Amino acid sequence: MPVIARFYGMVIKMYFRQSEHNPPHIHVIYGECVGVIDIRTGEMLEGDLSKRALKMEVLE
């Protein structure tokens, strides 16, 4: 899974083929925490990211 961004200690990864996973989402790694974020809604689908981390990566 390629890294598409790094900022504030977060690593953002994403598959590029639509057939690999649905709904479209990104994977966020922040220290020992991880999260799967829906691109369309910005909601965490699974994971244990803190509210602080989620506010830093909100997709708007």
N, C-alpha and C. Protein backbone atom coordinates (compact mmCIF):
# COMPACT_ATOMS: atom_id res chain seq x y z
N MET A 1 0.86 -1.16 0.00
CA MET A 1 0.00 0.00 0.00
C MET A 1 0.91 1.23 0.00
N PRO A 2 0.84 2.06 -1.03
CA PRO A 2 1.73 3.22 -1.12
C PRO A 2 1.38 4.32 -0.13
N VAL A 3 2.42 5.00 0.35
CA VAL A 3 2.25 6.18 1.22
C VAL A 3 1.93 7.36 0.32
N ILE A 4 0.85 8.09 0.63
CA ILE A 4 0.50 9.26 -0.17
C ILE A 4 0.76 10.57 0.55
N ALA A 5 0.97 10.52 1.89
CA ALA A 5 1.26 11.75 2.62
C ALA A 5 1.85 11.41 3.99
N ARG A 6 2.63 12.34 4.50
CA ARG A 6 3.16 12.28 5.88
C ARG A 6 3.09 13.69 6.44
N PHE A 7 2.45 13.85 7.58
CA PHE A 7 2.41 15.15 8.24
C PHE A 7 2.05 14.98 9.70
N TYR A 8 2.59 15.85 10.57
CA TYR A 8 2.34 15.84 12.01
C TYR A 8 2.51 14.45 12.61
N GLY A 9 3.44 13.66 12.08
CA GLY A 9 3.68 12.33 12.59
C GLY A 9 2.71 11.28 12.07
N MET A 10 1.80 11.66 11.20
CA MET A 10 0.84 10.72 10.62
C MET A 10 1.34 10.22 9.27
N VAL A 11 1.02 8.98 8.97
CA VAL A 11 1.32 8.40 7.66
C VAL A 11 -0.03 8.04 7.04
N ILE A 12 -0.27 8.52 5.82
CA ILE A 12 -1.52 8.26 5.11
C ILE A 12 -1.21 7.32 3.95
N LYS A 13 -1.94 6.22 3.90
CA LYS A 13 -1.75 5.23 2.83
C LYS A 13 -3.09 4.97 2.14
N MET A 14 -3.00 4.53 0.88
CA MET A 14 -4.24 4.29 0.15
C MET A 14 -3.98 3.33 -1.00
N TYR A 15 -4.91 2.39 -1.17
CA TYR A 15 -4.88 1.55 -2.36
C TYR A 15 -5.41 2.38 -3.52
N PHE A 16 -4.93 2.14 -4.72
CA PHE A 16 -5.35 2.94 -5.87
C PHE A 16 -6.31 2.21 -6.79
N ARG A 17 -6.43 0.91 -6.68
CA ARG A 17 -7.37 0.18 -7.52
C ARG A 17 -8.71 0.07 -6.83
N GLN A 18 -9.76 0.46 -7.51
CA GLN A 18 -11.09 0.46 -6.92
C GLN A 18 -11.51 -0.94 -6.50
N SER A 19 -11.06 -1.95 -7.21
CA SER A 19 -11.48 -3.31 -6.91
C SER A 19 -10.87 -3.86 -5.61
N GLU A 20 -9.88 -3.17 -5.04
CA GLU A 20 -9.21 -3.70 -3.86
C GLU A 20 -10.04 -3.56 -2.59
N HIS A 21 -10.70 -2.47 -2.40
CA HIS A 21 -11.50 -2.26 -1.18
C HIS A 21 -12.60 -1.26 -1.46
N ASN A 22 -13.75 -1.48 -0.89
CA ASN A 22 -14.85 -0.50 -0.91
C ASN A 22 -15.42 -0.39 0.48
N PRO A 23 -15.92 0.73 0.93
CA PRO A 23 -15.97 2.00 0.23
C PRO A 23 -14.58 2.63 0.14
N PRO A 24 -14.40 3.63 -0.74
CA PRO A 24 -13.10 4.29 -0.86
C PRO A 24 -12.66 4.86 0.50
N HIS A 25 -11.42 4.58 0.90
CA HIS A 25 -10.95 5.00 2.21
C HIS A 25 -9.43 5.16 2.22
N ILE A 26 -8.94 5.79 3.29
CA ILE A 26 -7.51 5.90 3.53
C ILE A 26 -7.18 5.19 4.82
N HIS A 27 -5.93 4.79 4.95
CA HIS A 27 -5.42 4.20 6.18
C HIS A 27 -4.51 5.24 6.82
N VAL A 28 -4.74 5.51 8.10
CA VAL A 28 -3.95 6.50 8.83
C VAL A 28 -3.20 5.78 9.95
N ILE A 29 -1.90 6.02 10.03
CA ILE A 29 -1.08 5.46 11.10
C ILE A 29 -0.50 6.64 11.86
N TYR A 30 -0.73 6.66 13.17
CA TYR A 30 -0.27 7.76 14.02
C TYR A 30 0.30 7.15 15.29
N GLY A 31 1.62 7.04 15.34
CA GLY A 31 2.25 6.33 16.46
C GLY A 31 1.84 4.87 16.41
N GLU A 32 1.29 4.39 17.51
CA GLU A 32 0.82 3.00 17.56
C GLU A 32 -0.66 2.88 17.23
N CYS A 33 -1.32 3.97 16.91
CA CYS A 33 -2.75 3.96 16.59
C CYS A 33 -2.94 3.90 15.08
N VAL A 34 -4.04 3.30 14.69
CA VAL A 34 -4.38 3.21 13.27
C VAL A 34 -5.85 3.52 13.08
N GLY A 35 -6.20 3.91 11.87
CA GLY A 35 -7.60 4.15 11.56
C GLY A 35 -7.85 3.99 10.08
N VAL A 36 -9.07 3.61 9.75
CA VAL A 36 -9.51 3.51 8.37
C VAL A 36 -10.60 4.57 8.23
N ILE A 37 -10.36 5.55 7.35
CA ILE A 37 -11.23 6.72 7.22
C ILE A 37 -11.92 6.70 5.86
N ASP A 38 -13.25 6.81 5.87
CA ASP A 38 -14.05 6.88 4.65
C ASP A 38 -13.76 8.22 3.96
N ILE A 39 -13.35 8.19 2.70
CA ILE A 39 -13.01 9.42 1.98
C ILE A 39 -14.22 10.31 1.79
N ARG A 40 -15.37 9.73 1.53
CA ARG A 40 -16.56 10.53 1.25
C ARG A 40 -17.12 11.22 2.47
N THR A 41 -17.08 10.57 3.64
CA THR A 41 -17.71 11.15 4.83
C THR A 41 -16.73 11.66 5.87
N GLY A 42 -15.48 11.19 5.83
CA GLY A 42 -14.50 11.57 6.84
C GLY A 42 -14.66 10.80 8.13
N GLU A 43 -15.58 9.84 8.18
CA GLU A 43 -15.82 9.05 9.39
C GLU A 43 -14.82 7.90 9.49
N MET A 44 -14.44 7.57 10.74
CA MET A 44 -13.56 6.45 10.96
C MET A 44 -14.39 5.17 10.88
N LEU A 45 -14.03 4.28 9.95
CA LEU A 45 -14.73 3.02 9.77
C LEU A 45 -14.27 1.98 10.78
N GLU A 46 -13.00 2.01 11.11
CA GLU A 46 -12.44 1.13 12.13
C GLU A 46 -11.13 1.70 12.61
N GLY A 47 -10.71 1.30 13.79
CA GLY A 47 -9.43 1.76 14.31
C GLY A 47 -9.55 2.39 15.67
N ASP A 48 -8.41 2.93 16.13
CA ASP A 48 -8.35 3.50 17.48
C ASP A 48 -7.68 4.87 17.52
N LEU A 49 -7.82 5.65 16.45
CA LEU A 49 -7.26 7.00 16.45
C LEU A 49 -7.99 7.86 17.47
N SER A 50 -7.24 8.75 18.12
CA SER A 50 -7.85 9.66 19.08
C SER A 50 -8.64 10.75 18.36
N LYS A 51 -9.51 11.43 19.11
CA LYS A 51 -10.28 12.54 18.52
C LYS A 51 -9.33 13.63 18.03
N ARG A 52 -8.25 13.85 18.75
CA ARG A 52 -7.26 14.86 18.35
C ARG A 52 -6.65 14.51 17.00
N ALA A 53 -6.29 13.26 16.81
CA ALA A 53 -5.71 12.82 15.54
C ALA A 53 -6.74 12.94 14.42
N LEU A 54 -7.97 12.59 14.70
CA LEU A 54 -9.02 12.68 13.68
C LEU A 54 -9.25 14.12 13.25
N LYS A 55 -9.16 15.06 14.16
CA LYS A 55 -9.35 16.47 13.81
C LYS A 55 -8.23 16.96 12.90
N MET A 56 -7.02 16.41 13.04
CA MET A 56 -5.90 16.83 12.20
C MET A 56 -6.02 16.33 10.77
N GLU A 57 -6.69 15.19 10.55
CA GLU A 57 -6.73 14.63 9.22
C GLU A 57 -8.10 14.74 8.56
N VAL A 58 -9.00 15.49 9.14
CA VAL A 58 -10.35 15.60 8.57
C VAL A 58 -10.29 16.06 7.12
N LEU A 59 -11.03 15.39 6.28
CA LEU A 59 -11.05 15.68 4.85
C LEU A 59 -12.14 16.68 4.56
N GLU A 60 -11.78 17.89 4.28
CA GLU A 60 -12.77 18.92 3.94
C GLU A 60 -12.35 19.65 2.69
